[in-house]
Amino acid sequence: IHSGGVSRSGVSQVAGWEIITTIKPDIIGHITGGPIPMPEAEMLRIANDTDCFMEICTSGNYRLALSLARAINAKGNYHRVLIGTDTPGGTGVVPRGMLREIAYISSVGEVPPEKSICMATGNVGGAHGLDIGIIEEGRPADIVLMHKITGSVARDALDSFSKGDLPGISYVIID
């Protein structure tokens, strides 16, 4: 379900707690805004009192993304969060948006970077019933090889994310 404020696409009703709990969707798109979120108290109630997957978007509200990250950290519900960009759209395109959101959630939200990466990969595949996002024999896989950028104080790519830096991409292996 589209959540939060009225969409540029013509949705005329704010989708918050009442609509979410009436419809009971599997996935709540851009729960932290894309760009306008539902009220924070409703978002936290959904995080704490439902089982829906919740998508955090690069084009959303960063304060609410931090609030959601804290709620998820408190309960260890990392498996329920998806990372997306909600682009291209009315807010444009965010270059390296997925990597930026992983770095933000890892550094400011203090979510372990390996969990943030799972939110952008395996959690997304699982939520949508797709056989992607998990490295396992027999599954399709695109693999990104990355490391810290020369001059960074980080030890490696995961540490880059935890410090809020973007890692350098060396190779992308497809198929």
Protein backbone atom coordinates (compact mmCIF):
# COMPACT_ATOMS: atom_id res chain seq x y z
CA ILE A 1 0.00 0.00 0.00
CA HIS A 2 1.06 3.56 -0.63
CA SER A 3 1.38 5.17 2.79
CA GLY A 4 1.62 8.63 4.22
CA GLY A 5 0.47 11.87 2.71
CA VAL A 6 -1.44 12.39 -0.49
CA SER A 7 0.48 11.14 -3.51
CA ARG A 8 1.24 13.24 -6.51
CA SER A 9 -0.44 10.45 -8.47
CA GLY A 10 -3.87 11.46 -7.20
CA VAL A 11 -4.51 9.41 -4.06
CA SER A 12 -6.83 11.59 -1.99
CA GLN A 13 -6.63 10.07 1.49
CA VAL A 14 -3.74 9.97 3.97
CA ALA A 15 -2.82 6.33 4.62
CA GLY A 16 -1.89 5.90 8.27
CA TRP A 17 -2.78 3.59 11.16
CA GLU A 18 -6.52 3.36 10.48
CA ILE A 19 -6.24 2.52 6.79
CA ILE A 20 -3.23 0.21 7.28
CA THR A 21 -4.97 -1.82 9.99
CA THR A 22 -8.19 -1.97 7.98
CA ILE A 23 -6.54 -3.14 4.75
CA LYS A 24 -3.79 -5.21 6.43
CA PRO A 25 -1.29 -5.03 3.55
CA ASP A 26 1.77 -7.23 3.37
CA ILE A 27 4.01 -4.29 2.46
CA ILE A 28 3.77 -0.62 3.42
CA GLY A 29 5.50 1.48 0.78
CA HIS A 30 7.66 4.36 1.99
CA ILE A 31 6.40 4.31 5.57
CA THR A 32 8.85 7.13 6.37
CA GLY A 33 7.60 9.24 3.51
CA GLY A 34 8.03 9.44 -0.18
CA PRO A 35 8.14 12.39 0.41
CA ILE A 36 5.35 13.00 3.00
CA PRO A 37 5.05 10.40 5.79
CA MET A 38 2.14 9.45 8.01
CA PRO A 39 2.28 10.88 11.55
CA GLU A 40 5.25 9.55 13.53
CA ALA A 41 3.11 8.08 16.33
CA GLU A 42 1.12 6.06 13.77
CA MET A 43 4.30 4.85 12.06
CA LEU A 44 5.71 3.67 15.40
CA ARG A 45 2.44 1.99 16.29
CA ILE A 46 2.58 0.09 12.98
CA ALA A 47 6.21 -0.87 13.66
CA ASN A 48 5.37 -2.13 17.14
CA ASP A 49 1.87 -3.58 16.72
CA THR A 50 1.69 -5.13 13.22
CA ASP A 51 3.66 -7.64 11.14
CA CYS A 52 3.75 -5.65 7.88
CA PHE A 53 6.93 -5.16 5.92
CA MET A 54 7.88 -1.46 6.05
CA GLU A 55 9.85 0.31 3.35
CA ILE A 56 12.23 3.17 4.15
CA CYS A 57 12.96 5.40 1.14
CA THR A 58 15.78 7.71 0.23
CA SER A 59 13.22 10.29 -0.92
CA GLY A 60 11.41 10.20 2.44
CA ASN A 61 11.70 11.97 5.77
CA TYR A 62 15.11 11.32 7.35
CA ARG A 63 13.98 12.14 10.89
CA LEU A 64 11.25 9.52 10.67
CA ALA A 65 13.67 7.01 9.12
CA LEU A 66 15.84 7.51 12.22
CA SER A 67 12.82 7.09 14.49
CA LEU A 68 11.86 3.85 12.72
CA ALA A 69 15.45 2.58 12.87
CA ARG A 70 15.44 3.12 16.65
CA ALA A 71 12.15 1.23 16.99
CA ILE A 72 13.46 -1.63 14.86
CA ASN A 73 16.74 -1.76 16.81
CA ALA A 74 14.83 -1.93 20.10
CA LYS A 75 12.88 -5.04 19.04
CA GLY A 76 15.39 -6.56 16.61
CA ASN A 77 12.77 -6.56 13.84
CA TYR A 78 15.30 -6.03 11.04
CA HIS A 79 13.58 -8.68 8.90
CA ARG A 80 10.51 -6.40 8.49
CA VAL A 81 12.32 -3.43 6.95
CA LEU A 82 12.89 -2.90 3.24
CA ILE A 83 15.14 -0.23 1.79
CA GLY A 84 14.09 1.48 -1.43
CA THR A 85 14.43 4.83 -3.14
CA ASP A 86 10.91 5.60 -4.44
CA THR A 87 12.65 6.99 -7.50
CA PRO A 88 12.41 7.90 -10.26
CA GLY A 89 9.41 9.94 -9.34
CA GLY A 90 8.27 13.41 -8.48
CA THR A 91 11.32 13.97 -6.31
CA GLY A 92 13.67 12.99 -9.13
CA VAL A 93 16.41 10.36 -9.10
CA VAL A 94 18.88 9.98 -6.24
CA PRO A 95 22.27 8.80 -7.54
CA ARG A 96 23.44 5.76 -5.55
CA GLY A 97 20.24 6.12 -3.50
CA MET A 98 20.28 2.56 -2.19
CA LEU A 99 23.88 2.87 -1.00
CA ARG A 100 23.12 6.26 0.56
CA GLU A 101 20.14 4.85 2.46
CA ILE A 102 22.19 1.86 3.67
CA ALA A 103 24.90 4.27 4.91
CA TYR A 104 22.35 6.51 6.64
CA ILE A 105 20.50 3.66 8.37
CA SER A 106 23.82 2.06 9.39
CA SER A 107 25.56 5.18 10.65
CA VAL A 108 22.89 7.50 12.01
CA GLY A 109 20.31 4.77 12.72
CA GLU A 110 22.99 2.52 14.23
CA VAL A 111 21.65 -0.55 12.46
CA PRO A 112 24.49 -3.02 11.84
CA PRO A 113 25.57 -2.53 8.20
CA GLU A 114 25.14 -6.20 7.32
CA LYS A 115 21.51 -5.94 8.47
CA SER A 116 21.01 -2.73 6.45
CA ILE A 117 22.34 -4.49 3.35
CA CYS A 118 19.86 -7.34 3.98
CA MET A 119 17.07 -4.74 4.19
CA ALA A 120 17.98 -3.66 0.65
CA THR A 121 18.42 -7.16 -0.77
CA GLY A 122 17.07 -10.35 0.83
CA ASN A 123 14.27 -8.66 2.75
CA VAL A 124 12.99 -7.08 -0.47
CA GLY A 125 13.07 -10.38 -2.34
CA GLY A 126 11.33 -12.19 0.52
CA ALA A 127 8.64 -9.53 0.98
CA HIS A 128 7.76 -9.62 -2.72
CA GLY A 129 7.98 -13.41 -3.04
CA LEU A 130 10.98 -13.22 -5.37
CA ASP A 131 13.89 -15.65 -5.49
CA ILE A 132 16.45 -12.82 -5.26
CA GLY A 133 18.55 -11.04 -2.68
CA ILE A 134 20.08 -14.07 -0.96
CA ILE A 135 23.29 -15.79 -2.00
CA GLU A 136 22.53 -19.48 -2.10
CA GLU A 137 23.28 -22.27 -4.55
CA GLY A 138 20.65 -22.42 -7.27
CA ARG A 139 19.36 -18.87 -6.80
CA PRO A 140 19.91 -16.06 -9.27
CA ALA A 141 22.52 -13.63 -8.02
CA ASP A 142 24.06 -10.31 -8.88
CA ILE A 143 27.08 -9.69 -6.69
CA VAL A 144 28.66 -6.33 -5.92
CA LEU A 145 32.30 -6.34 -4.86
CA MET A 146 33.10 -3.24 -2.84
CA HIS A 147 35.63 -1.90 -0.41
CA LYS A 148 36.44 1.29 1.41
CA ILE A 149 37.57 4.16 -0.77
CA THR A 150 41.28 4.96 -0.56
CA GLY A 151 41.79 7.61 2.09
CA SER A 152 38.74 6.58 4.12
CA VAL A 153 39.23 5.88 7.82
CA ALA A 154 37.03 2.80 7.43
CA ARG A 155 38.48 -0.71 7.58
CA ASP A 156 36.30 -2.13 4.81
CA ALA A 157 32.95 -1.65 3.02
CA LEU A 158 30.85 -2.57 6.07
CA ASP A 159 32.79 -0.15 8.23
CA SER A 160 32.33 2.50 5.52
CA PHE A 161 28.56 2.15 5.85
CA SER A 162 28.73 2.25 9.66
CA LYS A 163 30.69 5.52 9.42
CA GLY A 164 28.21 7.00 6.91
CA ASP A 165 30.61 6.77 3.95
CA LEU A 166 29.83 5.19 0.61
CA PRO A 167 32.16 2.34 -0.32
CA GLY A 168 33.89 2.12 -3.66
CA ILE A 169 32.37 -0.33 -6.15
CA SER A 170 35.03 -2.50 -7.82
CA TYR A 171 32.92 -4.97 -9.78
CA VAL A 172 29.34 -5.91 -10.37
CA ILE A 173 28.87 -9.55 -11.39
CA ILE A 174 25.53 -10.28 -13.04
CA ASP A 175 24.11 -13.79 -13.49
